[in-house]
C-alpha atoms as a PDB file:
ATOM      1  CA  UNK A   1       5.448 -57.055  -4.633  1.00  0.00           C
ATOM      2  CA  UNK A   2       9.019 -56.474  -5.072  1.00  0.00           C
ATOM      3  CA  UNK A   3      11.063 -54.057  -2.538  1.00  0.00           C
ATOM      4  CA  UNK A   4      11.935 -51.636  -5.108  1.00  0.00           C
ATOM      5  CA  UNK A   5       8.135 -51.158  -6.036  1.00  0.00           C
ATOM      6  CA  UNK A   6       7.234 -50.973  -2.227  1.00  0.00           C
ATOM      7  CA  UNK A   7       9.671 -48.149  -1.699  1.00  0.00           C
ATOM      8  CA  UNK A   8       8.658 -46.231  -4.767  1.00  0.00           C
ATOM      9  CA  UNK A   9       4.765 -46.727  -3.420  1.00  0.00           C
ATOM     10  CA  UNK A  10       5.731 -45.306   0.020  1.00  0.00           C
ATOM     11  CA  UNK A  11       7.882 -42.655  -1.122  1.00  0.00           C
ATOM     12  CA  UNK A  12       4.707 -41.422  -3.590  1.00  0.00           C
ATOM     13  CA  UNK A  13       2.019 -41.849  -0.381  1.00  0.00           C
ATOM     14  CA  UNK A  14       4.716 -39.711   1.580  1.00  0.00           C
ATOM     15  CA  UNK A  15       4.774 -36.922  -0.822  1.00  0.00           C
ATOM     16  CA  UNK A  16       0.903 -36.751  -1.194  1.00  0.00           C
ATOM     17  CA  UNK A  17       0.481 -36.786   2.413  1.00  0.00           C
ATOM     18  CA  UNK A  18       3.324 -34.541   3.275  1.00  0.00           C
ATOM     19  CA  UNK A  19       3.427 -30.759   4.545  1.00  0.00           C
ATOM     20  CA  UNK A  20       3.995 -29.615   0.931  1.00  0.00           C
ATOM     21  CA  UNK A  21       1.420 -27.582  -1.121  1.00  0.00           C
ATOM     22  CA  UNK A  22      -0.583 -29.286  -3.475  1.00  0.00           C
ATOM     23  CA  UNK A  23      -1.658 -27.441  -6.677  1.00  0.00           C
ATOM     24  CA  UNK A  24      -5.035 -26.693  -5.446  1.00  0.00           C
ATOM     25  CA  UNK A  25      -3.931 -25.503  -2.049  1.00  0.00           C
ATOM     26  CA  UNK A  26      -1.242 -23.167  -3.553  1.00  0.00           C
ATOM     27  CA  UNK A  27      -1.949 -19.500  -2.172  1.00  0.00           C
ATOM     28  CA  UNK A  28      -3.075 -16.518  -4.244  1.00  0.00           C
ATOM     29  CA  UNK A  29       0.042 -14.720  -3.937  1.00  0.00           C
ATOM     30  CA  UNK A  30       2.225 -17.695  -4.960  1.00  0.00           C
ATOM     31  CA  UNK A  31       0.062 -18.068  -8.174  1.00  0.00           C
ATOM     32  CA  UNK A  32      -0.708 -14.589  -9.380  1.00  0.00           C
ATOM     33  CA  UNK A  33       2.314 -12.537  -7.984  1.00  0.00           C
ATOM     34  CA  UNK A  34       5.863 -11.914  -9.428  1.00  0.00           C
ATOM     35  CA  UNK A  35       8.884  -9.524  -9.106  1.00  0.00           C
ATOM     36  CA  UNK A  36       8.743  -6.333 -11.258  1.00  0.00           C
ATOM     37  CA  UNK A  37      10.269  -2.871  -9.951  1.00  0.00           C
ATOM     38  CA  UNK A  38      12.493  -0.042 -10.989  1.00  0.00           C
ATOM     39  CA  UNK A  39      14.170   3.182  -9.775  1.00  0.00           C
ATOM     40  CA  UNK A  40      12.442   6.371 -10.815  1.00  0.00           C
ATOM     41  CA  UNK A  41      13.718   9.723 -10.780  1.00  0.00           C
ATOM     42  CA  UNK A  42      10.668  11.234  -9.118  1.00  0.00           C
ATOM     43  CA  UNK A  43       6.853  10.916  -8.341  1.00  0.00           C
ATOM     44  CA  UNK A  44       3.630  13.280  -8.986  1.00  0.00           C
ATOM     45  CA  UNK A  45       0.693  13.326  -6.617  1.00  0.00           C
ATOM     46  CA  UNK A  46      -1.503  12.470  -9.945  1.00  0.00           C
ATOM     47  CA  UNK A  47       0.394   9.651 -10.544  1.00  0.00           C
ATOM     48  CA  UNK A  48       0.310   8.264  -7.072  1.00  0.00           C
ATOM     49  CA  UNK A  49      -3.425   8.855  -7.130  1.00  0.00           C
ATOM     50  CA  UNK A  50      -3.647   6.780 -10.081  1.00  0.00           C
ATOM     51  CA  UNK A  51      -1.547   4.109  -8.715  1.00  0.00           C
ATOM     52  CA  UNK A  52      -3.593   3.887  -5.390  1.00  0.00           C
ATOM     53  CA  UNK A  53      -6.661   3.476  -7.451  1.00  0.00           C
ATOM     54  CA  UNK A  54      -5.775   0.226  -8.775  1.00  0.00           C
ATOM     55  CA  UNK A  55      -6.068  -1.030  -5.417  1.00  0.00           C
ATOM     56  CA  UNK A  56      -9.846   0.348  -4.863  1.00  0.00           C
ATOM     57  CA  UNK A  57     -12.428  -2.497  -4.194  1.00  0.00           C
ATOM     58  CA  UNK A  58      -9.596  -5.026  -4.024  1.00  0.00           C
ATOM     59  CA  UNK A  59      -9.020  -7.091  -1.220  1.00  0.00           C
ATOM     60  CA  UNK A  60      -6.602  -6.731   2.266  1.00  0.00           C
ATOM     61  CA  UNK A  61      -4.083  -8.851   3.569  1.00  0.00           C
ATOM     62  CA  UNK A  62      -2.347  -8.274   6.769  1.00  0.00           C
ATOM     63  CA  UNK A  63       1.248  -7.749   5.885  1.00  0.00           C
ATOM     64  CA  UNK A  64       0.356  -8.168   1.984  1.00  0.00           C
ATOM     65  CA  UNK A  65       1.218  -6.048  -1.028  1.00  0.00           C
ATOM     66  CA  UNK A  66      -0.137  -7.691  -4.224  1.00  0.00           C
ATOM     67  CA  UNK A  67      -3.239  -7.154  -5.842  1.00  0.00           C
ATOM     68  CA  UNK A  68      -4.744  -6.927  -9.384  1.00  0.00           C
ATOM     69  CA  UNK A  69      -7.257  -4.579 -10.999  1.00  0.00           C
ATOM     70  CA  UNK A  70     -10.539  -6.327 -11.362  1.00  0.00           C
ATOM     71  CA  UNK A  71     -12.563  -4.592  -8.655  1.00  0.00           C
ATOM     72  CA  UNK A  72     -13.145  -7.947  -6.587  1.00  0.00           C
ATOM     73  CA  UNK A  73     -11.711  -9.170  -3.454  1.00  0.00           C
ATOM     74  CA  UNK A  74     -10.448 -12.476  -5.132  1.00  0.00           C
ATOM     75  CA  UNK A  75      -9.641 -13.984  -1.556  1.00  0.00           C
ATOM     76  CA  UNK A  76     -12.960 -13.109   0.713  1.00  0.00           C
ATOM     77  CA  UNK A  77     -13.338 -14.159   3.943  1.00  0.00           C
ATOM     78  CA  UNK A  78      -9.252 -15.668   4.143  1.00  0.00           C
ATOM     79  CA  UNK A  79      -7.022 -13.187   6.403  1.00  0.00           C
ATOM     80  CA  UNK A  80      -3.268 -13.950   6.916  1.00  0.00           C
ATOM     81  CA  UNK A  81      -3.437 -16.479   3.965  1.00  0.00           C
ATOM     82  CA  UNK A  82      -1.269 -15.306   1.403  1.00  0.00           C
ATOM     83  CA  UNK A  83      -4.365 -13.539  -0.012  1.00  0.00           C
ATOM     84  CA  UNK A  84      -4.938 -10.812  -2.553  1.00  0.00           C
ATOM     85  CA  UNK A  85      -4.377  -7.245  -1.146  1.00  0.00           C
ATOM     86  CA  UNK A  86      -2.210  -4.718   0.695  1.00  0.00           C
ATOM     87  CA  UNK A  87      -2.490  -3.860   4.306  1.00  0.00           C
ATOM     88  CA  UNK A  88      -2.793   0.041   5.202  1.00  0.00           C
ATOM     89  CA  UNK A  89       0.833   0.491   5.420  1.00  0.00           C
ATOM     90  CA  UNK A  90       1.762  -1.576   2.358  1.00  0.00           C
ATOM     91  CA  UNK A  91      -0.637   0.386   0.329  1.00  0.00           C
ATOM     92  CA  UNK A  92       1.106   3.884   1.072  1.00  0.00           C
ATOM     93  CA  UNK A  93       4.605   2.194   0.812  1.00  0.00           C
ATOM     94  CA  UNK A  94       3.879   1.320  -2.657  1.00  0.00           C
ATOM     95  CA  UNK A  95       1.677   4.229  -3.465  1.00  0.00           C
ATOM     96  CA  UNK A  96       4.599   6.740  -2.353  1.00  0.00           C
ATOM     97  CA  UNK A  97       7.265   4.751  -4.013  1.00  0.00           C
ATOM     98  CA  UNK A  98       9.488   4.243  -1.158  1.00  0.00           C
ATOM     99  CA  UNK A  99      12.349   2.082  -0.825  1.00  0.00           C
ATOM    100  CA  UNK A 100      12.892  -1.218   0.887  1.00  0.00           C
ATOM    101  CA  UNK A 101      15.708   0.086   2.877  1.00  0.00           C
ATOM    102  CA  UNK A 102      14.161   1.484   5.988  1.00  0.00           C
ATOM    103  CA  UNK A 103      14.674   5.432   5.869  1.00  0.00           C
ATOM    104  CA  UNK A 104      16.270   5.409   2.389  1.00  0.00           C
ATOM    105  CA  UNK A 105      15.634   8.257   0.236  1.00  0.00           C
ATOM    106  CA  UNK A 106      14.396   7.737  -3.505  1.00  0.00           C
ATOM    107  CA  UNK A 107      12.051   6.516  -5.270  1.00  0.00           C
ATOM    108  CA  UNK A 108      11.253   2.914  -6.666  1.00  0.00           C
ATOM    109  CA  UNK A 109       8.016   1.826  -8.657  1.00  0.00           C
ATOM    110  CA  UNK A 110       6.569  -1.453  -7.785  1.00  0.00           C
ATOM    111  CA  UNK A 111       3.908  -3.384 -10.129  1.00  0.00           C
ATOM    112  CA  UNK A 112       0.788  -3.850  -8.238  1.00  0.00           C
ATOM    113  CA  UNK A 113       1.273  -7.499  -8.843  1.00  0.00           C
ATOM    114  CA  UNK A 114       4.379  -7.511  -6.904  1.00  0.00           C
ATOM    115  CA  UNK A 115       4.241  -8.793  -3.438  1.00  0.00           C
ATOM    116  CA  UNK A 116       6.053  -6.198  -1.190  1.00  0.00           C
ATOM    117  CA  UNK A 117       4.662  -4.652   2.119  1.00  0.00           C
ATOM    118  CA  UNK A 118       8.051  -2.616   2.855  1.00  0.00           C
ATOM    119  CA  UNK A 119       9.763  -1.883   6.406  1.00  0.00           C
ATOM    120  CA  UNK A 120       7.106   0.539   7.697  1.00  0.00           C
ATOM    121  CA  UNK A 121       4.361  -0.093   9.861  1.00  0.00           C
ATOM    122  CA  UNK A 122       1.712   2.561  10.625  1.00  0.00           C
ATOM    123  CA  UNK A 123       3.335   3.581  13.747  1.00  0.00           C
ATOM    124  CA  UNK A 124       6.582   4.367  11.753  1.00  0.00           C
ATOM    125  CA  UNK A 125       4.540   7.076   9.909  1.00  0.00           C
ATOM    126  CA  UNK A 126       2.635   8.375  12.919  1.00  0.00           C
ATOM    127  CA  UNK A 127       5.860   8.507  14.848  1.00  0.00           C
ATOM    128  CA  UNK A 128       8.308   9.657  12.031  1.00  0.00           C
ATOM    129  CA  UNK A 129      11.153  12.415  12.937  1.00  0.00           C
ATOM    130  CA  UNK A 130      11.197  13.574   9.784  1.00  0.00           C
ATOM    131  CA  UNK A 131      14.680  12.221   9.041  1.00  0.00           C
ATOM    132  CA  UNK A 132      13.543   9.650   6.196  1.00  0.00           C
ATOM    133  CA  UNK A 133      11.561  10.017   3.232  1.00  0.00           C
ATOM    134  CA  UNK A 134       8.676  11.383   4.994  1.00  0.00           C
ATOM    135  CA  UNK A 135       7.800  14.011   7.548  1.00  0.00           C
ATOM    136  CA  UNK A 136       5.009  15.076   9.842  1.00  0.00           C
ATOM    137  CA  UNK A 137       2.912  18.180   8.879  1.00  0.00           C
ATOM    138  CA  UNK A 138       2.636  20.960  11.328  1.00  0.00           C
ATOM    139  CA  UNK A 139      -1.211  20.567  11.615  1.00  0.00           C
ATOM    140  CA  UNK A 140      -4.185  18.785  10.105  1.00  0.00           C
ATOM    141  CA  UNK A 141      -6.038  21.888   8.549  1.00  0.00           C
ATOM    142  CA  UNK A 142      -7.034  21.979   4.864  1.00  0.00           C
ATOM    143  CA  UNK A 143      -5.103  24.771   4.053  1.00  0.00           C
ATOM    144  CA  UNK A 144      -1.919  22.465   5.007  1.00  0.00           C
ATOM    145  CA  UNK A 145      -3.014  19.085   3.364  1.00  0.00           C
ATOM    146  CA  UNK A 146      -2.855  18.135   0.039  1.00  0.00           C
ATOM    147  CA  UNK A 147      -4.258  15.050  -1.968  1.00  0.00           C
ATOM    148  CA  UNK A 148      -2.016  12.066  -1.440  1.00  0.00           C
ATOM    149  CA  UNK A 149      -0.668  13.128   1.812  1.00  0.00           C
ATOM    150  CA  UNK A 150      -1.713  10.855   4.876  1.00  0.00           C
ATOM    151  CA  UNK A 151      -3.305  10.656   7.986  1.00  0.00           C
ATOM    152  CA  UNK A 152      -1.648   8.083  10.515  1.00  0.00           C
ATOM    153  CA  UNK A 153      -2.363   6.607  13.938  1.00  0.00           C
ATOM    154  CA  UNK A 154      -0.229   4.345  15.388  1.00  0.00           C
ATOM    155  CA  UNK A 155      -2.098   1.446  14.368  1.00  0.00           C
ATOM    156  CA  UNK A 156      -3.638   2.742  10.872  1.00  0.00           C
ATOM    157  CA  UNK A 157      -2.817   4.848   7.936  1.00  0.00           C
ATOM    158  CA  UNK A 158      -4.834   6.232   4.986  1.00  0.00           C
ATOM    159  CA  UNK A 159      -4.069   8.660   2.267  1.00  0.00           C
ATOM    160  CA  UNK A 160      -5.949  11.488   1.225  1.00  0.00           C
ATOM    161  CA  UNK A 161      -7.877  10.662  -2.013  1.00  0.00           C
ATOM    162  CA  UNK A 162      -9.376  14.121  -2.831  1.00  0.00           C
ATOM    163  CA  UNK A 163      -9.529  17.598  -1.873  1.00  0.00           C
ATOM    164  CA  UNK A 164     -12.788  17.518  -2.500  1.00  0.00           C
ATOM    165  CA  UNK A 165     -15.057  17.589   0.746  1.00  0.00           C
ATOM    166  CA  UNK A 166     -17.482  15.437   1.268  1.00  0.00           C
ATOM    167  CA  UNK A 167     -21.274  16.801   1.651  1.00  0.00           C
ATOM    168  CA  UNK A 168     -21.206  15.325   5.706  1.00  0.00           C
ATOM    169  CA  UNK A 169     -17.623  16.608   6.221  1.00  0.00           C
ATOM    170  CA  UNK A 170     -14.671  14.499   6.632  1.00  0.00           C
ATOM    171  CA  UNK A 171     -12.521  13.215   3.816  1.00  0.00           C
ATOM    172  CA  UNK A 172     -12.393  10.965   1.037  1.00  0.00           C
ATOM    173  CA  UNK A 173      -9.575   8.179   2.239  1.00  0.00           C
ATOM    174  CA  UNK A 174      -8.414   5.611   0.042  1.00  0.00           C
ATOM    175  CA  UNK A 175      -7.142   3.034   2.516  1.00  0.00           C
ATOM    176  CA  UNK A 176      -6.648  -0.913   3.289  1.00  0.00           C
ATOM    177  CA  UNK A 177      -9.046  -1.264   6.221  1.00  0.00           C
ATOM    178  CA  UNK A 178      -9.300  -4.878   6.965  1.00  0.00           C
ATOM    179  CA  UNK A 179     -10.477  -8.068   5.845  1.00  0.00           C
ATOM    180  CA  UNK A 180     -14.128  -7.791   5.768  1.00  0.00           C
ATOM    181  CA  UNK A 181     -13.839  -4.145   4.250  1.00  0.00           C
ATOM    182  CA  UNK A 182     -10.894  -4.622   1.855  1.00  0.00           C
ATOM    183  CA  UNK A 183      -9.327  -1.954   0.187  1.00  0.00           C
ATOM    184  CA  UNK A 184     -11.665   1.153  -1.362  1.00  0.00           C
ATOM    185  CA  UNK A 185     -12.301   5.068  -0.947  1.00  0.00           C
ATOM    186  CA  UNK A 186     -14.144   5.678   2.398  1.00  0.00           C
ATOM    187  CA  UNK A 187     -15.280   8.947   4.019  1.00  0.00           C
ATOM    188  CA  UNK A 188     -13.605   9.292   7.288  1.00  0.00           C
ATOM    189  CA  UNK A 189     -12.971  12.032   9.698  1.00  0.00           C
ATOM    190  CA  UNK A 190      -9.280  11.396  10.651  1.00  0.00           C
ATOM    191  CA  UNK A 191      -8.635  14.961  10.334  1.00  0.00           C
ATOM    192  CA  UNK A 192     -10.898  15.659  13.561  1.00  0.00           C
ATOM    193  CA  UNK A 193      -9.371  12.555  15.199  1.00  0.00           C
ATOM    194  CA  UNK A 194      -6.687  13.152  17.698  1.00  0.00           C
ATOM    195  CA  UNK A 195      -5.104   9.865  17.319  1.00  0.00           C
ATOM    196  CA  UNK A 196      -4.075  10.756  13.715  1.00  0.00           C
ATOM    197  CA  UNK A 197      -1.272  12.970  12.327  1.00  0.00           C
ATOM    198  CA  UNK A 198      -0.970  14.295   9.127  1.00  0.00           C
ATOM    199  CA  UNK A 199       2.215  13.067   7.334  1.00  0.00           C
ATOM    200  CA  UNK A 200       3.782  13.740   3.808  1.00  0.00           C
ATOM    201  CA  UNK A 201       6.215  11.962   1.730  1.00  0.00           C
ATOM    202  CA  UNK A 202       9.038  14.145   1.109  1.00  0.00           C
ATOM    203  CA  UNK A 203      10.238  15.229  -2.678  1.00  0.00           C
ATOM    204  CA  UNK A 204       6.932  15.201  -4.516  1.00  0.00           C
ATOM    205  CA  UNK A 205       7.370  16.043  -8.522  1.00  0.00           C
ATOM    206  CA  UNK A 206       4.970  18.874  -8.961  1.00  0.00           C
ATOM    207  CA  UNK A 207       1.874  17.752 -10.932  1.00  0.00           C
ATOM    208  CA  UNK A 208       2.456  20.540 -13.704  1.00  0.00           C
ATOM    209  CA  UNK A 209       6.291  19.395 -14.230  1.00  0.00           C
ATOM    210  CA  UNK A 210       7.787  20.140 -16.469  1.00  0.00           C
ATOM    211  CA  UNK A 211       6.036  23.103 -17.865  1.00  0.00           C
ATOM    212  CA  UNK A 212       5.487  24.725 -14.086  1.00  0.00           C
ATOM    213  CA  UNK A 213       5.945  28.522 -13.755  1.00  0.00           C
ATOM    214  CA  UNK A 214       8.247  29.811 -11.179  1.00  0.00           C
ATOM    215  CA  UNK A 215       5.478  30.898  -8.976  1.00  0.00           C
ATOM    216  CA  UNK A 216       3.314  27.049  -9.174  1.00  0.00           C
ATOM    217  CA  UNK A 217       6.666  25.561  -8.294  1.00  0.00           C
ATOM    218  CA  UNK A 218       7.653  27.488  -5.128  1.00  0.00           C
ATOM    219  CA  UNK A 219       3.957  27.096  -4.034  1.00  0.00           C
ATOM    220  CA  UNK A 220       4.399  23.112  -4.118  1.00  0.00           C
ATOM    221  CA  UNK A 221       7.773  22.893  -2.810  1.00  0.00           C
ATOM    222  CA  UNK A 222       7.391  25.135   0.276  1.00  0.00           C
ATOM    223  CA  UNK A 223       4.584  22.891   1.841  1.00  0.00           C
END
């Protein structure tokens, strides 16, 4: 074998045996996700709920932010491996159309197939002083909260899915819970759990816009 052939053969073996990802080992995110976002002028709660609904029955990924809409966890039993799904704060970040700049005001829509988590942890929502794009509510009473508000502890956050009260009490919450449970609408009693606080995204556009009567607009804006 000539010296040139031996060198080429050695390089080929090295490439195959090296640390580079082979086609069969590419992550789910690397194969399915792509950049796609745009600035928006505002956000309605009903649109946020529709967006969050696309994540229901999908996977969970710590630090993740990309999912499709096939109602299946495409990467079950594979936590922290570039798999499908958001984590709890990543789901809220994308649903609320928050900016990637910490504390930034404004709205940005992200494709569900864009792998973006945002700069916030559950603790950031729980401990907010109100100077950013979201703030704590005065209490957790049903008269105070609205659907698409959130309940946040220092380790978890979930969005109120509906103002309807489950038969046994609690709330319908859409949340990215863990790898075993994935992302789904669950019945939770975070309202009665002292570890959780009620959090609201600022500057919602009223669902009735652009045809709101003056009194309807005031009722939504002052909350």
